[in-house]
Amino acid sequence: VFFHELGHFLLAKANHIRVNEFSIGFGPKLIHFKKGETEYCLKLIPFGGSCMMEGEMEDSDDENSFNNASVWSRIAVVLAGPIFNLLLAYLLMVILFSFTGYDLPVISEVSDGYPAKEAGLIAKDEIIKIDNHRMHFFRDVSVYLSENEGEDVTVTFKRDGEIKEVVLTPKYDETQKRYFIGITNKEASYHGNFFENLEYGFFEVNFLAKNTVHGFGRLISGKESMDNMMGPVGIVDYVGDTYTEVKDQGSFVVVANIVNILVILSACIGIMNLMPFPALDGGRFLIYFVEALTGKKMPPKYEAVVNGAGFILLFSFLIFVTSHDVSKLF
């Protein structure tokens, strides 16, 4: 949340837009001080934050107000928050990969009685693509097969530098009630060099972004259970459970797991805020982008109504998710 609001703040300052308040949390102020034109606050309820700019939701005669800035300046400011979240996720992932490595899509074991074995796949084969979708991690393979469960798949793989291709029909496992092609990856993580870590950090953020969008879509369509959705309370509980599970494995493992959670959260916040929904940065970007194309500016009072309605819906959803989290605790 801090990095998200920091993105808005820095781009506002860069575009000479007056920032009245920069805060973390909501509700009563615990700590606050003013420097220049901006008041900096730490507030009681740690559910979010804000970068409140002059003229953001109302008319203002101040030449440095948000609504008096150019449309491209306003677009830069609203997009900066989610972009900073994705940048934070990327940087943390590159650092984490430098220590832990990552899971290449290389087969370590092929199970008897499953289509992969029958098609001639063997250990150390590297899966390049499935149905023209590039596989960067073994997790990509697992997720793709899960999302296309039971469907025939075309697997492109590399063996000794040679590219080969097979078509596999997943087999249903009566015990686990799922379809499998019969491959696993049990080898230690691959440790790349600095430039490989930079590259695979990007692939990881892309992986998280796609899964966030797909997961949200499955939630809306009813294909994903509401039990798999978490709000602030659920996230805190999940972090606590993760710490309990790994604390006996040493401080490095604890830190690595917490950083991984931070990466997931930051990427999710970034992607969710880019969605074209009122009050979210993506919704505001859509308004300003239409303005840039048409040259017609939406009056601030109408924009405030649209964003206010969106905020009410989002806050209601937050209350619902939080109630759901609390009910799962007991």
C-alpha atoms as a PDB file:
ATOM      1  CA  VAL A   1       0.000   0.000   0.000  1.00  0.00           C
ATOM      2  CA  PHE A   2       2.834   2.385   0.837  1.00  0.00           C
ATOM      3  CA  PHE A   3       4.504   1.813  -2.534  1.00  0.00           C
ATOM      4  CA  HIS A   4       1.159   2.178  -4.332  1.00  0.00           C
ATOM      5  CA  GLU A   5       0.473   5.570  -2.767  1.00  0.00           C
ATOM      6  CA  LEU A   6       4.126   6.545  -3.177  1.00  0.00           C
ATOM      7  CA  GLY A   7       3.730   6.079  -6.929  1.00  0.00           C
ATOM      8  CA  HIS A   8       0.769   8.474  -7.009  1.00  0.00           C
ATOM      9  CA  PHE A   9       2.655  10.916  -4.747  1.00  0.00           C
ATOM     10  CA  LEU A  10       5.894  11.032  -6.723  1.00  0.00           C
ATOM     11  CA  LEU A  11       4.190  11.441 -10.104  1.00  0.00           C
ATOM     12  CA  ALA A  12       1.917  14.134  -8.669  1.00  0.00           C
ATOM     13  CA  LYS A  13       4.934  16.036  -7.389  1.00  0.00           C
ATOM     14  CA  ALA A  14       6.757  15.522 -10.707  1.00  0.00           C
ATOM     15  CA  ASN A  15       3.788  17.040 -12.526  1.00  0.00           C
ATOM     16  CA  HIS A  16       3.552  19.984 -10.083  1.00  0.00           C
ATOM     17  CA  ILE A  17       0.221  18.812  -8.626  1.00  0.00           C
ATOM     18  CA  ARG A  18      -0.489  19.906  -5.047  1.00  0.00           C
ATOM     19  CA  VAL A  19      -0.708  16.961  -2.602  1.00  0.00           C
ATOM     20  CA  ASN A  20      -2.665  17.911   0.527  1.00  0.00           C
ATOM     21  CA  GLU A  21      -2.228  14.628   2.414  1.00  0.00           C
ATOM     22  CA  PHE A  22      -0.211  11.445   2.123  1.00  0.00           C
ATOM     23  CA  SER A  23      -1.450   8.791   4.546  1.00  0.00           C
ATOM     24  CA  ILE A  24      -1.184   5.121   5.380  1.00  0.00           C
ATOM     25  CA  GLY A  25      -4.304   3.640   6.962  1.00  0.00           C
ATOM     26  CA  PHE A  26      -7.743   5.131   7.578  1.00  0.00           C
ATOM     27  CA  GLY A  27      -9.559   6.668  10.528  1.00  0.00           C
ATOM     28  CA  PRO A  28      -8.045   8.714  13.370  1.00  0.00           C
ATOM     29  CA  LYS A  29      -4.477   9.988  12.990  1.00  0.00           C
ATOM     30  CA  LEU A  30      -1.861   8.300  15.150  1.00  0.00           C
ATOM     31  CA  ILE A  31       1.171  10.210  13.894  1.00  0.00           C
ATOM     32  CA  HIS A  32       1.118  13.232  11.586  1.00  0.00           C
ATOM     33  CA  PHE A  33       3.287  16.146  10.577  1.00  0.00           C
ATOM     34  CA  LYS A  34       3.297  18.717   7.819  1.00  0.00           C
ATOM     35  CA  LYS A  35       6.162  19.478   5.479  1.00  0.00           C
ATOM     36  CA  GLY A  36       5.621  22.087   2.813  1.00  0.00           C
ATOM     37  CA  GLU A  37       2.120  21.801   1.378  1.00  0.00           C
ATOM     38  CA  THR A  38       1.645  18.152   2.368  1.00  0.00           C
ATOM     39  CA  GLU A  39       0.543  16.563   5.655  1.00  0.00           C
ATOM     40  CA  TYR A  40       1.988  13.078   6.239  1.00  0.00           C
ATOM     41  CA  CYS A  41      -0.129  10.721   8.377  1.00  0.00           C
ATOM     42  CA  LEU A  42      -0.129   7.268   9.913  1.00  0.00           C
ATOM     43  CA  LYS A  43      -3.726   6.353  10.766  1.00  0.00           C
ATOM     44  CA  LEU A  44      -5.377   3.823  13.071  1.00  0.00           C
ATOM     45  CA  ILE A  45      -7.021   1.335  10.672  1.00  0.00           C
ATOM     46  CA  PRO A  46      -4.346  -0.391   8.534  1.00  0.00           C
ATOM     47  CA  PHE A  47      -6.619  -1.240   5.582  1.00  0.00           C
ATOM     48  CA  GLY A  48      -5.168   1.046   2.936  1.00  0.00           C
ATOM     49  CA  GLY A  49      -3.901   4.546   2.354  1.00  0.00           C
ATOM     50  CA  SER A  50      -4.387   7.675   0.289  1.00  0.00           C
ATOM     51  CA  CYS A  51      -2.647  10.417  -1.659  1.00  0.00           C
ATOM     52  CA  MET A  52      -5.139  13.275  -1.488  1.00  0.00           C
ATOM     53  CA  MET A  53      -4.544  15.890  -4.173  1.00  0.00           C
ATOM     54  CA  GLU A  54      -6.004  19.374  -4.446  1.00  0.00           C
ATOM     55  CA  GLY A  55      -9.001  19.440  -6.811  1.00  0.00           C
ATOM     56  CA  GLU A  56      -9.052  15.673  -7.209  1.00  0.00           C
ATOM     57  CA  MET A  57     -12.752  15.263  -6.447  1.00  0.00           C
ATOM     58  CA  GLU A  58     -13.993  18.869  -6.644  1.00  0.00           C
ATOM     59  CA  ASP A  59     -13.457  22.109  -8.540  1.00  0.00           C
ATOM     60  CA  SER A  60     -10.428  24.128  -7.461  1.00  0.00           C
ATOM     61  CA  ASP A  61      -9.033  27.447  -8.618  1.00  0.00           C
ATOM     62  CA  ASP A  62      -5.519  26.393  -7.601  1.00  0.00           C
ATOM     63  CA  GLU A  63      -3.373  26.301 -10.762  1.00  0.00           C
ATOM     64  CA  ASN A  64      -1.584  23.262  -9.286  1.00  0.00           C
ATOM     65  CA  SER A  65      -4.769  21.269  -8.639  1.00  0.00           C
ATOM     66  CA  PHE A  66      -5.219  17.778 -10.057  1.00  0.00           C
ATOM     67  CA  ASN A  67      -8.093  18.704 -12.371  1.00  0.00           C
ATOM     68  CA  ASN A  68      -6.180  21.675 -13.770  1.00  0.00           C
ATOM     69  CA  ALA A  69      -3.295  19.413 -14.809  1.00  0.00           C
ATOM     70  CA  SER A  70      -3.063  18.130 -18.382  1.00  0.00           C
ATOM     71  CA  VAL A  71      -4.897  14.902 -19.166  1.00  0.00           C
ATOM     72  CA  TRP A  72      -1.593  13.070 -19.728  1.00  0.00           C
ATOM     73  CA  SER A  73      -0.337  14.238 -16.328  1.00  0.00           C
ATOM     74  CA  ARG A  74      -3.496  12.888 -14.700  1.00  0.00           C
ATOM     75  CA  ILE A  75      -3.117   9.593 -16.573  1.00  0.00           C
ATOM     76  CA  ALA A  76       0.498   9.317 -15.386  1.00  0.00           C
ATOM     77  CA  VAL A  77      -0.521   9.955 -11.770  1.00  0.00           C
ATOM     78  CA  VAL A  78      -3.344   7.371 -11.658  1.00  0.00           C
ATOM     79  CA  LEU A  79      -1.269   4.695 -13.403  1.00  0.00           C
ATOM     80  CA  ALA A  80       1.767   5.265 -11.193  1.00  0.00           C
ATOM     81  CA  GLY A  81       0.218   3.497  -8.188  1.00  0.00           C
ATOM     82  CA  PRO A  82      -0.350   0.076  -9.809  1.00  0.00           C
ATOM     83  CA  ILE A  83       2.868   0.363 -11.809  1.00  0.00           C
ATOM     84  CA  PHE A  84       4.820   0.920  -8.583  1.00  0.00           C
ATOM     85  CA  ASN A  85       3.148  -2.202  -7.128  1.00  0.00           C
ATOM     86  CA  LEU A  86       4.219  -4.288 -10.125  1.00  0.00           C
ATOM     87  CA  LEU A  87       7.708  -2.775  -9.971  1.00  0.00           C
ATOM     88  CA  LEU A  88       7.994  -3.646  -6.268  1.00  0.00           C
ATOM     89  CA  ALA A  89       6.848  -7.219  -6.967  1.00  0.00           C
ATOM     90  CA  TYR A  90       9.445  -7.481  -9.748  1.00  0.00           C
ATOM     91  CA  LEU A  91      12.355  -6.157  -7.676  1.00  0.00           C
ATOM     92  CA  LEU A  92      11.525  -8.373  -4.698  1.00  0.00           C
ATOM     93  CA  MET A  93      11.197 -11.399  -6.989  1.00  0.00           C
ATOM     94  CA  VAL A  94      14.582 -10.777  -8.615  1.00  0.00           C
ATOM     95  CA  ILE A  95      16.168 -10.573  -5.152  1.00  0.00           C
ATOM     96  CA  LEU A  96      14.348 -13.708  -3.989  1.00  0.00           C
ATOM     97  CA  PHE A  97      15.327 -15.670  -7.115  1.00  0.00           C
ATOM     98  CA  SER A  98      18.954 -14.726  -6.460  1.00  0.00           C
ATOM     99  CA  PHE A  99      18.790 -16.726  -3.218  1.00  0.00           C
ATOM    100  CA  THR A 100      16.173 -19.434  -3.831  1.00  0.00           C
ATOM    101  CA  GLY A 101      16.260 -20.069  -7.580  1.00  0.00           C
ATOM    102  CA  TYR A 102      13.189 -20.969  -9.617  1.00  0.00           C
ATOM    103  CA  ASP A 103      11.419 -23.994 -11.056  1.00  0.00           C
ATOM    104  CA  LEU A 104      12.223 -24.506 -14.731  1.00  0.00           C
ATOM    105  CA  PRO A 105       9.678 -26.578 -16.717  1.00  0.00           C
ATOM    106  CA  VAL A 106      11.971 -29.604 -16.745  1.00  0.00           C
ATOM    107  CA  ILE A 107      10.531 -33.073 -16.129  1.00  0.00           C
ATOM    108  CA  SER A 108      12.163 -34.994 -13.288  1.00  0.00           C
ATOM    109  CA  GLU A 109       9.881 -38.022 -13.295  1.00  0.00           C
ATOM    110  CA  VAL A 110       7.377 -39.633 -15.695  1.00  0.00           C
ATOM    111  CA  SER A 111       4.684 -41.865 -14.151  1.00  0.00           C
ATOM    112  CA  ASP A 112       3.827 -45.297 -15.523  1.00  0.00           C
ATOM    113  CA  GLY A 113       0.362 -45.718 -16.984  1.00  0.00           C
ATOM    114  CA  TYR A 114      -0.092 -42.082 -18.009  1.00  0.00           C
ATOM    115  CA  PRO A 115      -0.044 -40.473 -21.487  1.00  0.00           C
ATOM    116  CA  ALA A 116       3.330 -38.720 -21.036  1.00  0.00           C
ATOM    117  CA  LYS A 117       5.070 -42.088 -20.589  1.00  0.00           C
ATOM    118  CA  GLU A 118       3.170 -43.652 -23.477  1.00  0.00           C
ATOM    119  CA  ALA A 119       4.136 -40.739 -25.756  1.00  0.00           C
ATOM    120  CA  GLY A 120       7.825 -41.200 -24.954  1.00  0.00           C
ATOM    121  CA  LEU A 121       8.510 -38.265 -22.643  1.00  0.00           C
ATOM    122  CA  ILE A 122      11.408 -38.882 -20.276  1.00  0.00           C
ATOM    123  CA  ALA A 123      13.160 -37.214 -17.335  1.00  0.00           C
ATOM    124  CA  LYS A 124      15.176 -34.070 -18.199  1.00  0.00           C
ATOM    125  CA  ASP A 125      12.912 -33.175 -21.136  1.00  0.00           C
ATOM    126  CA  GLU A 126      12.241 -29.411 -21.010  1.00  0.00           C
ATOM    127  CA  ILE A 127       8.704 -28.347 -21.849  1.00  0.00           C
ATOM    128  CA  ILE A 128       8.836 -25.289 -24.121  1.00  0.00           C
ATOM    129  CA  LYS A 129       5.172 -24.774 -24.997  1.00  0.00           C
ATOM    130  CA  ILE A 130       1.737 -26.278 -24.449  1.00  0.00           C
ATOM    131  CA  ASP A 131      -0.788 -25.409 -27.171  1.00  0.00           C
ATOM    132  CA  ASN A 132       1.392 -22.482 -28.303  1.00  0.00           C
ATOM    133  CA  HIS A 133       1.522 -21.064 -24.750  1.00  0.00           C
ATOM    134  CA  ARG A 134       5.112 -20.514 -23.609  1.00  0.00           C
ATOM    135  CA  MET A 135       6.077 -22.307 -20.385  1.00  0.00           C
ATOM    136  CA  HIS A 136       8.664 -20.488 -18.268  1.00  0.00           C
ATOM    137  CA  PHE A 137       8.127 -22.361 -14.976  1.00  0.00           C
ATOM    138  CA  PHE A 138       6.867 -25.828 -14.119  1.00  0.00           C
ATOM    139  CA  ARG A 139       4.037 -23.983 -12.349  1.00  0.00           C
ATOM    140  CA  ASP A 140       2.977 -22.684 -15.771  1.00  0.00           C
ATOM    141  CA  VAL A 141       2.515 -26.303 -16.840  1.00  0.00           C
ATOM    142  CA  SER A 142       0.462 -27.199 -13.755  1.00  0.00           C
ATOM    143  CA  VAL A 143      -1.771 -24.118 -14.008  1.00  0.00           C
ATOM    144  CA  TYR A 144      -2.395 -24.536 -17.740  1.00  0.00           C
ATOM    145  CA  LEU A 145      -3.331 -28.189 -17.382  1.00  0.00           C
ATOM    146  CA  SER A 146      -5.618 -27.350 -14.452  1.00  0.00           C
ATOM    147  CA  GLU A 147      -7.392 -24.595 -16.390  1.00  0.00           C
ATOM    148  CA  ASN A 148      -7.836 -26.886 -19.407  1.00  0.00           C
ATOM    149  CA  GLU A 149      -8.571 -30.026 -17.418  1.00  0.00           C
ATOM    150  CA  GLY A 150      -9.322 -33.133 -19.473  1.00  0.00           C
ATOM    151  CA  GLU A 151      -8.632 -31.493 -22.855  1.00  0.00           C
ATOM    152  CA  ASP A 152      -6.095 -32.780 -25.389  1.00  0.00           C
ATOM    153  CA  VAL A 153      -2.879 -30.746 -25.264  1.00  0.00           C
ATOM    154  CA  THR A 154      -0.020 -30.321 -27.719  1.00  0.00           C
ATOM    155  CA  VAL A 155       3.254 -30.410 -25.800  1.00  0.00           C
ATOM    156  CA  THR A 156       6.403 -28.970 -27.390  1.00  0.00           C
ATOM    157  CA  PHE A 157       9.569 -30.042 -25.589  1.00  0.00           C
ATOM    158  CA  LYS A 158      13.346 -29.961 -25.982  1.00  0.00           C
ATOM    159  CA  ARG A 159      15.616 -32.978 -25.617  1.00  0.00           C
ATOM    160  CA  ASP A 160      19.377 -32.746 -26.195  1.00  0.00           C
ATOM    161  CA  GLY A 161      18.883 -29.500 -28.137  1.00  0.00           C
ATOM    162  CA  GLU A 162      16.241 -31.020 -30.443  1.00  0.00           C
ATOM    163  CA  ILE A 163      12.656 -29.677 -30.443  1.00  0.00           C
ATOM    164  CA  LYS A 164       9.897 -32.324 -30.477  1.00  0.00           C
ATOM    165  CA  GLU A 165       6.113 -32.283 -30.225  1.00  0.00           C
ATOM    166  CA  VAL A 166       3.473 -34.731 -28.967  1.00  0.00           C
ATOM    167  CA  VAL A 167      -0.294 -34.623 -28.431  1.00  0.00           C
ATOM    168  CA  LEU A 168      -1.446 -35.921 -25.026  1.00  0.00           C
ATOM    169  CA  THR A 169      -4.903 -36.845 -23.733  1.00  0.00           C
ATOM    170  CA  PRO A 170      -4.965 -36.414 -19.912  1.00  0.00           C
ATOM    171  CA  LYS A 171      -6.001 -39.465 -17.916  1.00  0.00           C
ATOM    172  CA  TYR A 172      -8.581 -39.268 -15.124  1.00  0.00           C
ATOM    173  CA  ASP A 173      -7.386 -40.433 -11.704  1.00  0.00           C
ATOM    174  CA  GLU A 174     -10.261 -41.942  -9.733  1.00  0.00           C
ATOM    175  CA  THR A 175      -8.429 -41.555  -6.425  1.00  0.00           C
ATOM    176  CA  GLN A 176      -7.662 -37.836  -6.741  1.00  0.00           C
ATOM    177  CA  LYS A 177     -10.678 -37.030  -8.951  1.00  0.00           C
ATOM    178  CA  ARG A 178      -8.492 -35.103 -11.390  1.00  0.00           C
ATOM    179  CA  TYR A 179      -6.900 -35.414 -14.828  1.00  0.00           C
ATOM    180  CA  PHE A 180      -3.140 -35.947 -15.150  1.00  0.00           C
ATOM    181  CA  ILE A 181      -0.637 -36.418 -17.970  1.00  0.00           C
ATOM    182  CA  GLY A 182       1.851 -38.047 -15.588  1.00  0.00           C
ATOM    183  CA  ILE A 183       4.827 -35.708 -15.156  1.00  0.00           C
ATOM    184  CA  THR A 184       6.400 -34.195 -12.037  1.00  0.00           C
ATOM    185  CA  ASN A 185       9.221 -31.822 -11.147  1.00  0.00           C
ATOM    186  CA  LYS A 186      11.030 -32.724  -7.939  1.00  0.00           C
ATOM    187  CA  GLU A 187      14.490 -31.348  -8.670  1.00  0.00           C
ATOM    188  CA  ALA A 188      16.084 -28.480  -6.770  1.00  0.00           C
ATOM    189  CA  SER A 189      15.386 -24.986  -8.033  1.00  0.00           C
ATOM    190  CA  TYR A 190      17.538 -23.683 -10.866  1.00  0.00           C
ATOM    191  CA  HIS A 191      19.879 -20.849  -9.844  1.00  0.00           C
ATOM    192  CA  GLY A 192      20.425 -18.456 -12.714  1.00  0.00           C
ATOM    193  CA  ASN A 193      22.917 -15.636 -13.191  1.00  0.00           C
ATOM    194  CA  PHE A 194      22.087 -11.960 -12.646  1.00  0.00           C
ATOM    195  CA  PHE A 195      20.626 -11.432 -16.118  1.00  0.00           C
ATOM    196  CA  GLU A 196      18.590 -14.636 -15.981  1.00  0.00           C
ATOM    197  CA  ASN A 197      17.175 -13.545 -12.624  1.00  0.00           C
ATOM    198  CA  LEU A 198      16.145 -10.214 -14.189  1.00  0.00           C
ATOM    199  CA  GLU A 199      14.420 -12.080 -17.006  1.00  0.00           C
ATOM    200  CA  TYR A 200      12.678 -14.644 -14.826  1.00  0.00           C
ATOM    201  CA  GLY A 201      11.602 -11.967 -12.348  1.00  0.00           C
ATOM    202  CA  PHE A 202       9.580 -10.487 -15.224  1.00  0.00           C
ATOM    203  CA  PHE A 203       8.166 -13.924 -16.086  1.00  0.00           C
ATOM    204  CA  GLU A 204       7.126 -14.397 -12.444  1.00  0.00           C
ATOM    205  CA  VAL A 205       5.244 -11.085 -12.269  1.00  0.00           C
ATOM    206  CA  ASN A 206       3.568 -11.937 -15.574  1.00  0.00           C
ATOM    207  CA  PHE A 207       2.623 -15.342 -14.118  1.00  0.00           C
ATOM    208  CA  LEU A 208       1.085 -13.693 -11.038  1.00  0.00           C
ATOM    209  CA  ALA A 209      -0.731 -11.106 -13.156  1.00  0.00           C
ATOM    210  CA  LYS A 210      -2.316 -13.729 -15.394  1.00  0.00           C
ATOM    211  CA  ASN A 211      -3.352 -15.856 -12.429  1.00  0.00           C
ATOM    212  CA  THR A 212      -4.878 -12.838 -10.667  1.00  0.00           C
ATOM    213  CA  VAL A 213      -7.027 -12.054 -13.722  1.00  0.00           C
ATOM    214  CA  HIS A 214      -7.938 -15.702 -14.304  1.00  0.00           C
ATOM    215  CA  GLY A 215      -8.710 -16.228 -10.616  1.00  0.00           C
ATOM    216  CA  PHE A 216     -10.956 -13.170 -10.496  1.00  0.00           C
ATOM    217  CA  GLY A 217     -12.739 -14.370 -13.622  1.00  0.00           C
ATOM    218  CA  ARG A 218     -13.262 -17.832 -12.150  1.00  0.00           C
ATOM    219  CA  LEU A 219     -14.582 -16.234  -8.939  1.00  0.00           C
ATOM    220  CA  ILE A 220     -17.110 -14.130 -10.868  1.00  0.00           C
ATOM    221  CA  SER A 221     -18.195 -17.096 -13.014  1.00  0.00           C
ATOM    222  CA  GLY A 222     -18.620 -19.335  -9.967  1.00  0.00           C
ATOM    223  CA  LYS A 223     -15.868 -21.748 -11.015  1.00  0.00           C
ATOM    224  CA  GLU A 224     -13.805 -20.732  -7.971  1.00  0.00           C
ATOM    225  CA  SER A 225     -15.053 -21.125  -4.417  1.00  0.00           C
ATOM    226  CA  MET A 226     -15.501 -18.033  -2.243  1.00  0.00           C
ATOM    227  CA  ASP A 227     -13.498 -19.919   0.393  1.00  0.00           C
ATOM    228  CA  ASN A 228     -10.386 -19.276  -1.722  1.00  0.00           C
ATOM    229  CA  MET A 229     -10.852 -15.505  -1.504  1.00  0.00           C
ATOM    230  CA  MET A 230      -9.098 -13.527   1.239  1.00  0.00           C
ATOM    231  CA  GLY A 231      -9.378  -9.988   2.557  1.00  0.00           C
ATOM    232  CA  PRO A 232      -7.151  -8.209   5.091  1.00  0.00           C
ATOM    233  CA  VAL A 233      -8.108 -10.529   7.984  1.00  0.00           C
ATOM    234  CA  GLY A 234      -7.593 -13.633   5.859  1.00  0.00           C
ATOM    235  CA  ILE A 235      -4.220 -12.377   4.667  1.00  0.00           C
ATOM    236  CA  VAL A 236      -3.015 -11.758   8.228  1.00  0.00           C
ATOM    237  CA  ASP A 237      -4.202 -15.247   9.203  1.00  0.00           C
ATOM    238  CA  TYR A 238      -2.450 -16.751   6.165  1.00  0.00           C
ATOM    239  CA  VAL A 239       0.807 -14.980   7.033  1.00  0.00           C
ATOM    240  CA  GLY A 240       0.529 -16.294  10.593  1.00  0.00           C
ATOM    241  CA  ASP A 241      -0.107 -19.849   9.379  1.00  0.00           C
ATOM    242  CA  THR A 242       2.851 -19.624   6.992  1.00  0.00           C
ATOM    243  CA  TYR A 243       5.147 -18.450   9.789  1.00  0.00           C
ATOM    244  CA  THR A 244       3.993 -21.292  12.046  1.00  0.00           C
ATOM    245  CA  GLU A 245       4.643 -23.878   9.320  1.00  0.00           C
ATOM    246  CA  VAL A 246       8.179 -22.744   8.430  1.00  0.00           C
ATOM    247  CA  LYS A 247       9.589 -21.201  11.620  1.00  0.00           C
ATOM    248  CA  ASP A 248      11.422 -24.404  12.555  1.00  0.00           C
ATOM    249  CA  GLN A 249      13.273 -24.364   9.208  1.00  0.00           C
ATOM    250  CA  GLY A 250      15.277 -21.258  10.072  1.00  0.00           C
ATOM    251  CA  SER A 251      15.086 -17.510   9.657  1.00  0.00           C
ATOM    252  CA  PHE A 252      16.058 -17.594   5.965  1.00  0.00           C
ATOM    253  CA  VAL A 253      13.080 -19.787   5.068  1.00  0.00           C
ATOM    254  CA  VAL A 254      10.771 -17.554   7.128  1.00  0.00           C
ATOM    255  CA  VAL A 255      12.010 -14.394   5.400  1.00  0.00           C
ATOM    256  CA  ALA A 256      11.830 -16.036   1.949  1.00  0.00           C
ATOM    257  CA  ASN A 257       8.213 -17.068   2.504  1.00  0.00           C
ATOM    258  CA  ILE A 258       7.193 -13.628   3.803  1.00  0.00           C
ATOM    259  CA  VAL A 259       8.884 -11.914   0.854  1.00  0.00           C
ATOM    260  CA  ASN A 260       7.081 -14.295  -1.517  1.00  0.00           C
ATOM    261  CA  ILE A 261       3.751 -13.311   0.085  1.00  0.00           C
ATOM    262  CA  LEU A 262       4.687  -9.630  -0.313  1.00  0.00           C
ATOM    263  CA  VAL A 263       5.366 -10.244  -4.004  1.00  0.00           C
ATOM    264  CA  ILE A 264       1.972 -11.897  -4.488  1.00  0.00           C
ATOM    265  CA  LEU A 265       0.139  -9.142  -2.589  1.00  0.00           C
ATOM    266  CA  SER A 266       1.896  -6.309  -4.417  1.00  0.00           C
ATOM    267  CA  ALA A 267       1.258  -7.878  -7.828  1.00  0.00           C
ATOM    268  CA  CYS A 268      -2.405  -8.520  -6.958  1.00  0.00           C
ATOM    269  CA  ILE A 269      -2.915  -4.935  -5.732  1.00  0.00           C
ATOM    270  CA  GLY A 270      -1.332  -3.638  -8.930  1.00  0.00           C
ATOM    271  CA  ILE A 271      -3.413  -5.780 -11.278  1.00  0.00           C
ATOM    272  CA  MET A 272      -6.700  -5.336  -9.396  1.00  0.00           C
ATOM    273  CA  ASN A 273      -6.236  -1.548  -9.420  1.00  0.00           C
ATOM    274  CA  LEU A 274      -5.788  -1.588 -13.187  1.00  0.00           C
ATOM    275  CA  MET A 275      -9.245  -3.076 -13.703  1.00  0.00           C
ATOM    276  CA  PRO A 276     -11.647  -0.575 -15.363  1.00  0.00           C
ATOM    277  CA  PHE A 277     -13.949  -0.226 -12.351  1.00  0.00           C
ATOM    278  CA  PRO A 278     -15.080   3.150 -10.888  1.00  0.00           C
ATOM    279  CA  ALA A 279     -12.877   4.406  -8.012  1.00  0.00           C
ATOM    280  CA  LEU A 280     -10.044   2.081  -9.022  1.00  0.00           C
ATOM    281  CA  ASP A 281      -7.087   3.514 -10.906  1.00  0.00           C
ATOM    282  CA  GLY A 282      -8.101   1.553 -13.991  1.00  0.00           C
ATOM    283  CA  GLY A 283     -11.551   3.161 -13.967  1.00  0.00           C
ATOM    284  CA  ARG A 284     -10.088   6.637 -13.616  1.00  0.00           C
ATOM    285  CA  PHE A 285      -7.570   5.917 -16.374  1.00  0.00           C
ATOM    286  CA  LEU A 286     -10.469   4.947 -18.662  1.00  0.00           C
ATOM    287  CA  ILE A 287     -12.202   8.294 -17.992  1.00  0.00           C
ATOM    288  CA  TYR A 288      -9.037  10.270 -18.731  1.00  0.00           C
ATOM    289  CA  PHE A 289      -8.148   8.167 -21.775  1.00  0.00           C
ATOM    290  CA  VAL A 290     -11.576   8.880 -23.286  1.00  0.00           C
ATOM    291  CA  GLU A 291     -10.927  12.555 -22.552  1.00  0.00           C
ATOM    292  CA  ALA A 292      -7.570  12.354 -24.339  1.00  0.00           C
ATOM    293  CA  LEU A 293      -9.236  10.794 -27.399  1.00  0.00           C
ATOM    294  CA  THR A 294     -12.282  13.070 -27.561  1.00  0.00           C
ATOM    295  CA  GLY A 295     -10.943  16.276 -26.027  1.00  0.00           C
ATOM    296  CA  LYS A 296     -14.020  16.419 -23.799  1.00  0.00           C
ATOM    297  CA  LYS A 297     -13.432  16.514 -20.055  1.00  0.00           C
ATOM    298  CA  MET A 298     -15.895  14.957 -17.618  1.00  0.00           C
ATOM    299  CA  PRO A 299     -16.997  17.619 -15.080  1.00  0.00           C
ATOM    300  CA  PRO A 300     -15.339  16.971 -11.688  1.00  0.00           C
ATOM    301  CA  LYS A 301     -18.712  16.725  -9.921  1.00  0.00           C
ATOM    302  CA  TYR A 302     -19.821  13.886 -12.229  1.00  0.00           C
ATOM    303  CA  GLU A 303     -16.472  12.146 -11.899  1.00  0.00           C
ATOM    304  CA  ALA A 304     -16.821  12.432  -8.114  1.00  0.00           C
ATOM    305  CA  VAL A 305     -20.273  10.803  -8.268  1.00  0.00           C
ATOM    306  CA  VAL A 306     -18.993   7.908 -10.421  1.00  0.00           C
ATOM    307  CA  ASN A 307     -15.947   7.332  -8.210  1.00  0.00           C
ATOM    308  CA  GLY A 308     -18.019   7.747  -5.041  1.00  0.00           C
ATOM    309  CA  ALA A 309     -20.454   5.054  -6.179  1.00  0.00           C
ATOM    310  CA  GLY A 310     -17.548   2.784  -7.033  1.00  0.00           C
ATOM    311  CA  PHE A 311     -15.964   3.401  -3.630  1.00  0.00           C
ATOM    312  CA  ILE A 312     -19.215   2.481  -1.855  1.00  0.00           C
ATOM    313  CA  LEU A 313     -19.399  -0.784  -3.823  1.00  0.00           C
ATOM    314  CA  LEU A 314     -15.747  -1.570  -3.102  1.00  0.00           C
ATOM    315  CA  PHE A 315     -16.123  -0.789   0.603  1.00  0.00           C
ATOM    316  CA  SER A 316     -19.240  -2.976   0.778  1.00  0.00           C
ATOM    317  CA  PHE A 317     -17.292  -5.771  -0.905  1.00  0.00           C
ATOM    318  CA  LEU A 318     -14.457  -5.295   1.608  1.00  0.00           C
ATOM    319  CA  ILE A 319     -16.924  -5.625   4.495  1.00  0.00           C
ATOM    320  CA  PHE A 320     -18.333  -8.796   2.925  1.00  0.00           C
ATOM    321  CA  VAL A 321     -14.885 -10.334   2.391  1.00  0.00           C
ATOM    322  CA  THR A 322     -13.777  -9.392   5.908  1.00  0.00           C
ATOM    323  CA  SER A 323     -16.929 -10.962   7.391  1.00  0.00           C
ATOM    324  CA  HIS A 324     -16.238 -14.084   5.351  1.00  0.00           C
ATOM    325  CA  ASP A 325     -12.632 -14.157   6.640  1.00  0.00           C
ATOM    326  CA  VAL A 326     -13.783 -13.814  10.251  1.00  0.00           C
ATOM    327  CA  SER A 327     -16.374 -16.596   9.837  1.00  0.00           C
ATOM    328  CA  LYS A 328     -13.642 -18.965   8.596  1.00  0.00           C
ATOM    329  CA  LEU A 329     -11.603 -18.305  11.753  1.00  0.00           C
ATOM    330  CA  PHE A 330     -14.259 -19.723  14.035  1.00  0.00           C
END
